[in-house]
Amino acid sequence: MADDWLNAIIGDYSKEVLDEYYSDDTPENPKPKLGIAGRIRETFPDTDEKKYKIYFRDDVTQGLEEPCFFIMRLLSATREVVYPRFSLNTSFDVHYFPTPNTKTRFTETATVEMMLQDILEFIIVIDPETMQTFQIHGTGIRAEMHDDVLHCFVNYNTHFIKPVPKEPAMEEVELTQKVK
């Protein structure tokens, strides 16, 4: 069922990519990439004139079909708040490669920049095991242009409770008491 949801949001991917994507799924790793991809897919639907491909893997260096988006996780840091509560801070760079060789390339990029800054403020993430969804807030949203590619940076901060391992109870206890 989780694979059906993923395919509906970001298109058809091979079973190997899906398995790799879900392989590190844990309650403290809610997959913000899927939420980002979902918001992009809602805002930039495929039409007859334009088809927006979304790439995740950082080994894609050549052969991108423009216009497209490339979602890359930059940094992930966990810190203890009060045991067993933790904070997970994850930073993303959403690249936008505009339609090549057009006169409206810069206007297109400026429009996409404004839309990305708006849609990345709140994303919906899903736990593929329970299919439970929740909304997370993006902070520190900013955009830059480098070599005709738009880079939109965003941070997602989530909190979670780590399961406390249960220690086995003692089987026998021997007490010795003395009165003074």
N, C-alpha and C. Protein backbone atom coordinates (compact mmCIF):
# COMPACT_ATOMS: atom_id res chain seq x y z
N MET A 1 0.82 -1.20 0.00
CA MET A 1 0.00 0.00 0.00
C MET A 1 0.87 1.26 0.00
N ALA A 2 1.96 1.25 0.72
CA ALA A 2 2.86 2.40 0.76
C ALA A 2 3.46 2.63 -0.62
N ASP A 3 3.78 1.56 -1.35
CA ASP A 3 4.33 1.71 -2.69
C ASP A 3 3.31 2.36 -3.61
N ASP A 4 2.00 2.03 -3.46
CA ASP A 4 0.96 2.64 -4.27
C ASP A 4 0.92 4.14 -4.02
N TRP A 5 1.01 4.53 -2.74
CA TRP A 5 0.99 5.95 -2.41
C TRP A 5 2.20 6.65 -3.01
N LEU A 6 3.37 6.04 -2.91
CA LEU A 6 4.59 6.63 -3.46
C LEU A 6 4.47 6.79 -4.97
N ASN A 7 3.99 5.78 -5.66
CA ASN A 7 3.85 5.85 -7.11
C ASN A 7 2.86 6.94 -7.51
N ALA A 8 1.79 7.10 -6.76
CA ALA A 8 0.81 8.13 -7.08
C ALA A 8 1.41 9.52 -6.92
N ILE A 9 2.32 9.68 -5.97
CA ILE A 9 2.90 11.00 -5.73
C ILE A 9 4.04 11.30 -6.69
N ILE A 10 4.99 10.42 -6.83
CA ILE A 10 6.20 10.77 -7.59
C ILE A 10 6.39 9.97 -8.88
N GLY A 11 5.44 9.17 -9.28
CA GLY A 11 5.55 8.48 -10.55
C GLY A 11 6.10 7.07 -10.39
N ASP A 12 6.33 6.45 -11.52
CA ASP A 12 6.77 5.04 -11.52
C ASP A 12 8.27 4.94 -11.34
N TYR A 13 8.66 4.17 -10.35
CA TYR A 13 10.07 3.88 -10.11
C TYR A 13 10.21 2.38 -9.97
N SER A 14 11.42 1.90 -10.18
CA SER A 14 11.65 0.48 -10.11
C SER A 14 11.50 -0.02 -8.67
N LYS A 15 11.25 -1.31 -8.51
CA LYS A 15 11.11 -1.93 -7.19
C LYS A 15 12.39 -1.74 -6.38
N GLU A 16 13.57 -1.80 -7.04
CA GLU A 16 14.83 -1.63 -6.32
C GLU A 16 14.93 -0.24 -5.70
N VAL A 17 14.49 0.79 -6.43
CA VAL A 17 14.54 2.15 -5.90
C VAL A 17 13.60 2.27 -4.70
N LEU A 18 12.40 1.70 -4.82
CA LEU A 18 11.44 1.76 -3.71
C LEU A 18 11.99 1.03 -2.48
N ASP A 19 12.55 -0.15 -2.68
CA ASP A 19 13.10 -0.91 -1.56
C ASP A 19 14.23 -0.15 -0.89
N GLU A 20 15.09 0.46 -1.71
CA GLU A 20 16.20 1.23 -1.15
C GLU A 20 15.67 2.44 -0.40
N TYR A 21 14.62 3.04 -0.94
CA TYR A 21 14.08 4.25 -0.32
C TYR A 21 13.47 3.95 1.04
N TYR A 22 12.80 2.81 1.17
CA TYR A 22 12.17 2.46 2.43
C TYR A 22 13.09 1.69 3.38
N SER A 23 14.28 1.33 2.94
CA SER A 23 15.13 0.45 3.74
C SER A 23 15.53 1.06 5.08
N ASP A 24 15.65 2.37 5.16
CA ASP A 24 16.05 2.98 6.42
C ASP A 24 14.88 3.66 7.13
N ASP A 25 13.65 3.19 6.84
CA ASP A 25 12.48 3.77 7.46
C ASP A 25 12.44 3.45 8.94
N THR A 26 12.36 4.45 9.75
CA THR A 26 12.21 4.31 11.19
C THR A 26 11.25 5.38 11.65
N PRO A 27 10.69 5.27 12.85
CA PRO A 27 9.78 6.31 13.32
C PRO A 27 10.44 7.68 13.38
N GLU A 28 11.75 7.71 13.62
CA GLU A 28 12.41 9.00 13.70
C GLU A 28 12.87 9.52 12.34
N ASN A 29 12.61 8.78 11.25
CA ASN A 29 12.98 9.20 9.91
C ASN A 29 11.72 9.20 9.04
N PRO A 30 10.92 10.27 9.09
CA PRO A 30 9.60 10.24 8.45
C PRO A 30 9.60 10.52 6.96
N LYS A 31 10.73 10.54 6.31
CA LYS A 31 10.82 10.71 4.87
C LYS A 31 10.26 12.04 4.37
N PRO A 32 10.87 13.16 4.77
CA PRO A 32 10.40 14.44 4.24
C PRO A 32 10.54 14.55 2.72
N LYS A 33 11.45 13.76 2.11
CA LYS A 33 11.59 13.82 0.66
C LYS A 33 10.26 13.52 -0.03
N LEU A 34 9.51 12.57 0.50
CA LEU A 34 8.22 12.24 -0.10
C LEU A 34 7.25 13.40 0.04
N GLY A 35 7.27 14.07 1.18
CA GLY A 35 6.40 15.22 1.39
C GLY A 35 6.75 16.36 0.44
N ILE A 36 8.05 16.59 0.23
CA ILE A 36 8.49 17.62 -0.71
C ILE A 36 8.04 17.24 -2.12
N ALA A 37 8.26 15.99 -2.50
CA ALA A 37 7.87 15.52 -3.83
C ALA A 37 6.36 15.63 -4.02
N GLY A 38 5.60 15.31 -2.98
CA GLY A 38 4.14 15.40 -3.07
C GLY A 38 3.68 16.83 -3.31
N ARG A 39 4.27 17.79 -2.59
CA ARG A 39 3.89 19.19 -2.77
C ARG A 39 4.28 19.68 -4.17
N ILE A 40 5.45 19.25 -4.65
CA ILE A 40 5.87 19.64 -6.00
C ILE A 40 4.92 19.05 -7.02
N ARG A 41 4.56 17.79 -6.86
CA ARG A 41 3.67 17.12 -7.81
C ARG A 41 2.28 17.78 -7.83
N GLU A 42 1.79 18.21 -6.65
CA GLU A 42 0.50 18.90 -6.60
C GLU A 42 0.55 20.25 -7.31
N THR A 43 1.64 20.97 -7.11
CA THR A 43 1.75 22.33 -7.63
C THR A 43 2.18 22.37 -9.09
N PHE A 44 2.98 21.42 -9.51
CA PHE A 44 3.49 21.38 -10.88
C PHE A 44 3.05 20.08 -11.55
N PRO A 45 1.77 19.93 -11.87
CA PRO A 45 1.33 18.68 -12.50
C PRO A 45 1.83 18.59 -13.94
N ASP A 46 1.96 17.38 -14.42
CA ASP A 46 2.37 17.18 -15.80
C ASP A 46 1.25 17.62 -16.73
N THR A 47 1.63 18.31 -17.80
CA THR A 47 0.67 18.71 -18.83
C THR A 47 1.20 18.24 -20.18
N ASP A 48 0.43 18.51 -21.22
CA ASP A 48 0.90 18.15 -22.57
C ASP A 48 2.13 18.95 -22.95
N GLU A 49 2.21 20.20 -22.44
CA GLU A 49 3.33 21.06 -22.79
C GLU A 49 4.57 20.79 -21.94
N LYS A 50 4.36 20.49 -20.65
CA LYS A 50 5.50 20.29 -19.74
C LYS A 50 5.28 19.06 -18.88
N LYS A 51 6.33 18.32 -18.73
CA LYS A 51 6.34 17.19 -17.81
C LYS A 51 7.50 17.42 -16.85
N TYR A 52 7.18 17.46 -15.56
CA TYR A 52 8.20 17.71 -14.54
C TYR A 52 8.62 16.39 -13.91
N LYS A 53 9.85 16.01 -14.13
CA LYS A 53 10.39 14.80 -13.51
C LYS A 53 10.99 15.19 -12.16
N ILE A 54 10.89 14.29 -11.19
CA ILE A 54 11.48 14.53 -9.87
C ILE A 54 12.55 13.48 -9.65
N TYR A 55 13.76 13.95 -9.38
CA TYR A 55 14.88 13.05 -9.13
C TYR A 55 15.26 13.11 -7.65
N PHE A 56 15.67 11.96 -7.11
CA PHE A 56 16.09 11.88 -5.73
C PHE A 56 17.56 11.51 -5.59
N ARG A 57 18.02 10.67 -6.42
CA ARG A 57 19.34 10.06 -6.22
C ARG A 57 20.45 11.03 -6.57
N ASP A 58 21.44 11.13 -5.70
CA ASP A 58 22.51 12.08 -5.95
C ASP A 58 23.55 11.56 -6.93
N ASP A 59 23.34 10.36 -7.50
CA ASP A 59 24.28 9.88 -8.50
C ASP A 59 23.81 10.24 -9.91
N VAL A 60 22.71 10.96 -10.04
CA VAL A 60 22.25 11.41 -11.35
C VAL A 60 23.04 12.67 -11.70
N THR A 61 23.98 12.54 -12.60
CA THR A 61 24.81 13.69 -12.96
C THR A 61 24.60 14.12 -14.40
N GLN A 62 24.15 13.22 -15.25
CA GLN A 62 23.92 13.54 -16.65
C GLN A 62 22.58 12.96 -17.07
N GLY A 63 22.04 13.53 -18.11
CA GLY A 63 20.82 12.98 -18.68
C GLY A 63 19.55 13.39 -17.96
N LEU A 64 19.55 14.53 -17.26
CA LEU A 64 18.33 15.01 -16.62
C LEU A 64 17.40 15.53 -17.70
N GLU A 65 16.12 15.18 -17.59
CA GLU A 65 15.12 15.67 -18.53
C GLU A 65 14.57 16.98 -17.98
N GLU A 66 14.93 18.09 -18.58
CA GLU A 66 14.50 19.40 -18.10
C GLU A 66 13.17 19.77 -18.73
N PRO A 67 12.27 20.47 -18.04
CA PRO A 67 12.40 20.97 -16.69
C PRO A 67 12.23 19.84 -15.67
N CYS A 68 12.96 19.93 -14.57
CA CYS A 68 12.87 18.89 -13.56
C CYS A 68 13.29 19.42 -12.20
N PHE A 69 12.96 18.64 -11.19
CA PHE A 69 13.35 18.95 -9.82
C PHE A 69 14.28 17.86 -9.33
N PHE A 70 15.21 18.25 -8.48
CA PHE A 70 16.15 17.31 -7.90
C PHE A 70 16.17 17.58 -6.40
N ILE A 71 15.76 16.61 -5.59
CA ILE A 71 15.65 16.79 -4.15
C ILE A 71 16.84 16.10 -3.49
N MET A 72 17.63 16.89 -2.76
CA MET A 72 18.83 16.33 -2.14
C MET A 72 18.85 16.70 -0.65
N ARG A 73 19.05 15.69 0.17
CA ARG A 73 19.22 15.94 1.60
C ARG A 73 20.65 16.39 1.83
N LEU A 74 20.81 17.52 2.51
CA LEU A 74 22.14 18.06 2.75
C LEU A 74 22.69 17.62 4.09
N LEU A 75 21.88 17.71 5.12
CA LEU A 75 22.36 17.51 6.47
C LEU A 75 21.25 16.93 7.33
N SER A 76 21.62 16.05 8.23
CA SER A 76 20.66 15.50 9.18
C SER A 76 21.38 15.41 10.53
N ALA A 77 20.76 15.98 11.55
CA ALA A 77 21.38 15.98 12.87
C ALA A 77 20.34 15.66 13.93
N THR A 78 20.70 14.76 14.83
CA THR A 78 19.82 14.38 15.93
C THR A 78 20.44 14.87 17.23
N ARG A 79 19.59 15.43 18.09
CA ARG A 79 20.10 15.84 19.40
C ARG A 79 19.07 15.46 20.46
N GLU A 80 19.60 15.12 21.62
CA GLU A 80 18.74 14.73 22.73
C GLU A 80 18.15 15.99 23.36
N VAL A 81 16.84 15.99 23.57
CA VAL A 81 16.18 17.11 24.23
C VAL A 81 16.10 16.78 25.72
N VAL A 82 15.27 15.83 26.07
CA VAL A 82 15.19 15.26 27.41
C VAL A 82 14.92 13.78 27.18
N TYR A 83 15.84 12.93 27.60
CA TYR A 83 15.73 11.50 27.29
C TYR A 83 14.37 10.98 27.72
N PRO A 84 13.66 10.27 26.92
CA PRO A 84 13.96 9.69 25.61
C PRO A 84 13.49 10.54 24.44
N ARG A 85 13.31 11.86 24.61
CA ARG A 85 12.86 12.74 23.54
C ARG A 85 14.06 13.29 22.77
N PHE A 86 13.92 13.26 21.44
CA PHE A 86 14.99 13.71 20.57
C PHE A 86 14.44 14.65 19.51
N SER A 87 15.33 15.46 18.95
CA SER A 87 14.99 16.37 17.87
C SER A 87 15.80 15.96 16.65
N LEU A 88 15.14 15.85 15.50
CA LEU A 88 15.81 15.53 14.25
C LEU A 88 15.70 16.74 13.33
N ASN A 89 16.83 17.33 12.98
CA ASN A 89 16.87 18.49 12.09
C ASN A 89 17.46 18.05 10.76
N THR A 90 16.68 18.23 9.68
CA THR A 90 17.09 17.78 8.36
C THR A 90 17.02 18.95 7.39
N SER A 91 18.11 19.16 6.64
CA SER A 91 18.18 20.24 5.65
C SER A 91 18.13 19.65 4.25
N PHE A 92 17.40 20.33 3.37
CA PHE A 92 17.26 19.89 1.98
C PHE A 92 17.60 21.03 1.03
N ASP A 93 18.07 20.63 -0.16
CA ASP A 93 18.27 21.55 -1.27
C ASP A 93 17.42 21.02 -2.41
N VAL A 94 16.41 21.80 -2.80
CA VAL A 94 15.55 21.42 -3.92
C VAL A 94 16.04 22.20 -5.13
N HIS A 95 16.61 21.49 -6.09
CA HIS A 95 17.11 22.11 -7.32
C HIS A 95 15.95 22.17 -8.32
N TYR A 96 15.93 23.24 -9.10
CA TYR A 96 15.00 23.30 -10.23
C TYR A 96 15.82 23.61 -11.47
N PHE A 97 15.76 22.70 -12.45
CA PHE A 97 16.42 22.89 -13.74
C PHE A 97 15.36 23.36 -14.72
N PRO A 98 15.39 24.63 -15.15
CA PRO A 98 14.34 25.15 -16.02
C PRO A 98 14.43 24.59 -17.44
N THR A 99 13.39 24.89 -18.20
CA THR A 99 13.37 24.47 -19.60
C THR A 99 14.56 25.09 -20.31
N PRO A 100 15.36 24.28 -20.99
CA PRO A 100 16.57 24.82 -21.62
C PRO A 100 16.28 25.65 -22.87
N ASN A 101 17.16 26.61 -23.10
CA ASN A 101 17.16 27.39 -24.34
C ASN A 101 15.83 28.07 -24.66
N THR A 102 15.23 28.69 -23.67
CA THR A 102 14.01 29.46 -23.93
C THR A 102 14.24 30.90 -23.50
N LYS A 103 13.48 31.82 -24.12
CA LYS A 103 13.61 33.24 -23.79
C LYS A 103 13.00 33.55 -22.42
N THR A 104 12.10 32.70 -21.97
CA THR A 104 11.41 32.96 -20.70
C THR A 104 12.04 32.18 -19.54
N ARG A 105 13.25 31.71 -19.72
CA ARG A 105 13.93 30.88 -18.72
C ARG A 105 14.02 31.57 -17.36
N PHE A 106 14.39 32.84 -17.33
CA PHE A 106 14.55 33.54 -16.06
C PHE A 106 13.20 33.88 -15.42
N THR A 107 12.20 34.20 -16.24
CA THR A 107 10.86 34.44 -15.72
C THR A 107 10.29 33.16 -15.13
N GLU A 108 10.50 32.06 -15.84
CA GLU A 108 10.05 30.74 -15.37
C GLU A 108 10.71 30.41 -14.03
N THR A 109 12.00 30.64 -13.92
CA THR A 109 12.73 30.34 -12.68
C THR A 109 12.25 31.21 -11.53
N ALA A 110 11.99 32.49 -11.79
CA ALA A 110 11.51 33.39 -10.75
C ALA A 110 10.12 32.96 -10.26
N THR A 111 9.27 32.53 -11.17
CA THR A 111 7.94 32.05 -10.80
C THR A 111 8.03 30.79 -9.97
N VAL A 112 8.85 29.85 -10.39
CA VAL A 112 9.03 28.60 -9.65
C VAL A 112 9.61 28.89 -8.26
N GLU A 113 10.54 29.84 -8.17
CA GLU A 113 11.14 30.20 -6.88
C GLU A 113 10.07 30.66 -5.89
N MET A 114 9.20 31.54 -6.32
CA MET A 114 8.14 32.04 -5.43
C MET A 114 7.20 30.91 -5.01
N MET A 115 6.87 30.04 -5.95
CA MET A 115 5.95 28.93 -5.65
C MET A 115 6.61 27.93 -4.70
N LEU A 116 7.89 27.62 -4.92
CA LEU A 116 8.59 26.67 -4.05
C LEU A 116 8.67 27.20 -2.62
N GLN A 117 8.99 28.48 -2.47
CA GLN A 117 9.08 29.04 -1.13
C GLN A 117 7.74 28.95 -0.41
N ASP A 118 6.65 29.04 -1.15
CA ASP A 118 5.33 28.94 -0.55
C ASP A 118 4.97 27.49 -0.21
N ILE A 119 5.18 26.57 -1.14
CA ILE A 119 4.71 25.19 -0.92
C ILE A 119 5.58 24.39 0.04
N LEU A 120 6.84 24.79 0.22
CA LEU A 120 7.72 24.03 1.11
C LEU A 120 7.56 24.41 2.57
N GLU A 121 6.72 25.41 2.86
CA GLU A 121 6.52 25.83 4.25
C GLU A 121 5.88 24.72 5.07
N PHE A 122 4.89 24.02 4.49
CA PHE A 122 4.25 22.90 5.18
C PHE A 122 4.19 21.73 4.22
N ILE A 123 4.65 20.57 4.68
CA ILE A 123 4.56 19.35 3.86
C ILE A 123 3.89 18.25 4.68
N ILE A 124 3.33 17.30 3.98
CA ILE A 124 2.72 16.14 4.62
C ILE A 124 3.68 14.97 4.46
N VAL A 125 4.00 14.31 5.55
CA VAL A 125 4.83 13.11 5.49
C VAL A 125 3.99 11.92 5.93
N ILE A 126 4.41 10.76 5.51
CA ILE A 126 3.64 9.55 5.77
C ILE A 126 4.55 8.47 6.34
N ASP A 127 4.03 7.72 7.28
CA ASP A 127 4.72 6.55 7.79
C ASP A 127 4.23 5.37 6.96
N PRO A 128 5.08 4.79 6.09
CA PRO A 128 4.62 3.73 5.19
C PRO A 128 4.13 2.48 5.91
N GLU A 129 4.56 2.28 7.14
CA GLU A 129 4.12 1.10 7.89
C GLU A 129 2.69 1.25 8.38
N THR A 130 2.40 2.39 8.98
CA THR A 130 1.07 2.61 9.56
C THR A 130 0.16 3.41 8.65
N MET A 131 0.72 4.02 7.59
CA MET A 131 0.01 4.90 6.68
C MET A 131 -0.54 6.13 7.39
N GLN A 132 0.03 6.46 8.54
CA GLN A 132 -0.37 7.65 9.28
C GLN A 132 0.34 8.86 8.68
N THR A 133 -0.39 9.95 8.47
CA THR A 133 0.20 11.15 7.92
C THR A 133 0.26 12.24 8.99
N PHE A 134 1.24 13.11 8.85
CA PHE A 134 1.32 14.27 9.72
C PHE A 134 2.02 15.39 8.98
N GLN A 135 1.77 16.61 9.42
CA GLN A 135 2.29 17.79 8.75
C GLN A 135 3.52 18.31 9.50
N ILE A 136 4.57 18.69 8.74
CA ILE A 136 5.73 19.30 9.38
C ILE A 136 5.99 20.65 8.72
N HIS A 137 6.59 21.54 9.49
CA HIS A 137 6.81 22.92 9.09
C HIS A 137 8.25 23.13 8.64
N GLY A 138 8.41 23.75 7.49
CA GLY A 138 9.74 24.06 6.98
C GLY A 138 10.19 25.41 7.49
N THR A 139 11.45 25.51 7.87
CA THR A 139 12.00 26.76 8.39
C THR A 139 13.23 27.14 7.59
N GLY A 140 13.63 28.38 7.70
CA GLY A 140 14.85 28.85 7.03
C GLY A 140 14.80 28.71 5.53
N ILE A 141 13.64 28.91 4.93
CA ILE A 141 13.49 28.74 3.49
C ILE A 141 14.15 29.92 2.78
N ARG A 142 15.05 29.59 1.84
CA ARG A 142 15.71 30.62 1.05
C ARG A 142 16.06 30.03 -0.32
N ALA A 143 16.24 30.91 -1.30
CA ALA A 143 16.54 30.45 -2.65
C ALA A 143 17.73 31.21 -3.22
N GLU A 144 18.50 30.51 -4.06
CA GLU A 144 19.66 31.09 -4.73
C GLU A 144 19.73 30.54 -6.15
N MET A 145 20.36 31.30 -7.03
CA MET A 145 20.60 30.84 -8.39
C MET A 145 22.09 30.58 -8.56
N HIS A 146 22.44 29.41 -9.09
CA HIS A 146 23.83 29.07 -9.41
C HIS A 146 23.84 28.40 -10.78
N ASP A 147 24.58 28.95 -11.71
CA ASP A 147 24.72 28.36 -13.05
C ASP A 147 23.37 28.05 -13.68
N ASP A 148 22.45 29.02 -13.64
CA ASP A 148 21.10 28.89 -14.22
C ASP A 148 20.27 27.78 -13.60
N VAL A 149 20.62 27.34 -12.41
CA VAL A 149 19.83 26.33 -11.68
C VAL A 149 19.37 26.97 -10.38
N LEU A 150 18.08 26.84 -10.10
CA LEU A 150 17.51 27.38 -8.87
C LEU A 150 17.75 26.39 -7.73
N HIS A 151 18.23 26.89 -6.60
CA HIS A 151 18.43 26.08 -5.40
C HIS A 151 17.53 26.66 -4.32
N CYS A 152 16.62 25.86 -3.81
CA CYS A 152 15.74 26.30 -2.73
C CYS A 152 16.09 25.46 -1.50
N PHE A 153 16.55 26.12 -0.45
CA PHE A 153 16.99 25.44 0.77
C PHE A 153 15.88 25.50 1.82
N VAL A 154 15.69 24.40 2.54
CA VAL A 154 14.66 24.35 3.58
C VAL A 154 15.09 23.37 4.67
N ASN A 155 14.70 23.66 5.90
CA ASN A 155 14.99 22.79 7.05
C ASN A 155 13.67 22.26 7.61
N TYR A 156 13.67 20.99 7.97
CA TYR A 156 12.51 20.39 8.64
C TYR A 156 12.98 19.83 9.97
N ASN A 157 12.33 20.29 11.04
CA ASN A 157 12.69 19.88 12.39
C ASN A 157 11.54 19.07 12.97
N THR A 158 11.83 17.85 13.35
CA THR A 158 10.80 16.99 13.94
C THR A 158 11.29 16.49 15.30
N HIS A 159 10.35 16.09 16.11
CA HIS A 159 10.65 15.56 17.43
C HIS A 159 10.09 14.14 17.51
N PHE A 160 10.78 13.29 18.22
CA PHE A 160 10.32 11.91 18.37
C PHE A 160 10.78 11.37 19.71
N ILE A 161 10.15 10.30 20.12
CA ILE A 161 10.51 9.61 21.36
C ILE A 161 11.13 8.28 20.97
N LYS A 162 12.36 8.08 21.40
CA LYS A 162 13.04 6.81 21.13
C LYS A 162 12.52 5.76 22.09
N PRO A 163 12.25 4.58 21.61
CA PRO A 163 11.82 3.52 22.52
C PRO A 163 12.91 3.19 23.54
N VAL A 164 12.51 3.09 24.78
CA VAL A 164 13.45 2.76 25.84
C VAL A 164 13.52 1.23 25.94
N PRO A 165 14.72 0.65 25.80
CA PRO A 165 14.81 -0.81 25.89
C PRO A 165 14.48 -1.28 27.30
N LYS A 166 13.67 -2.33 27.37
CA LYS A 166 13.32 -2.89 28.67
C LYS A 166 14.41 -3.84 29.11
N GLU A 167 14.83 -3.65 30.33
CA GLU A 167 15.84 -4.54 30.89
C GLU A 167 15.12 -5.70 31.57
N PRO A 168 15.71 -6.88 31.51
CA PRO A 168 15.05 -8.03 32.13
C PRO A 168 14.98 -7.86 33.66
N ALA A 169 13.84 -8.26 34.21
CA ALA A 169 13.68 -8.17 35.66
C ALA A 169 14.54 -9.22 36.35
N MET A 170 14.96 -8.92 37.57
CA MET A 170 15.78 -9.89 38.31
C MET A 170 14.91 -11.08 38.72
N GLU A 171 15.50 -12.23 38.65
CA GLU A 171 14.75 -13.43 39.03
C GLU A 171 14.73 -13.62 40.54
N GLU A 172 15.86 -13.42 41.18
CA GLU A 172 15.94 -13.60 42.63
C GLU A 172 16.70 -12.44 43.23
N VAL A 173 16.27 -12.06 44.41
CA VAL A 173 16.93 -10.98 45.16
C VAL A 173 17.20 -11.47 46.54
N GLU A 174 18.43 -11.27 47.02
CA GLU A 174 18.80 -11.67 48.37
C GLU A 174 19.13 -10.42 49.16
N LEU A 175 18.45 -10.20 50.28
CA LEU A 175 18.69 -9.03 51.12
C LEU A 175 19.21 -9.47 52.47
N THR A 176 20.15 -8.72 52.98
CA THR A 176 20.67 -8.96 54.31
C THR A 176 20.51 -7.67 55.11
N GLN A 177 19.81 -7.77 56.25
CA GLN A 177 19.58 -6.58 57.06
C GLN A 177 20.11 -6.82 58.45
N LYS A 178 20.65 -5.76 59.05
CA LYS A 178 21.15 -5.85 60.43
C LYS A 178 20.62 -4.65 61.19
N VAL A 179 20.30 -4.86 62.46
CA VAL A 179 19.82 -3.79 63.33
C VAL A 179 20.96 -3.37 64.24
N LYS A 180 21.20 -2.13 64.42
CA LYS A 180 22.26 -1.64 65.29
C LYS A 180 21.77 -1.37 66.66
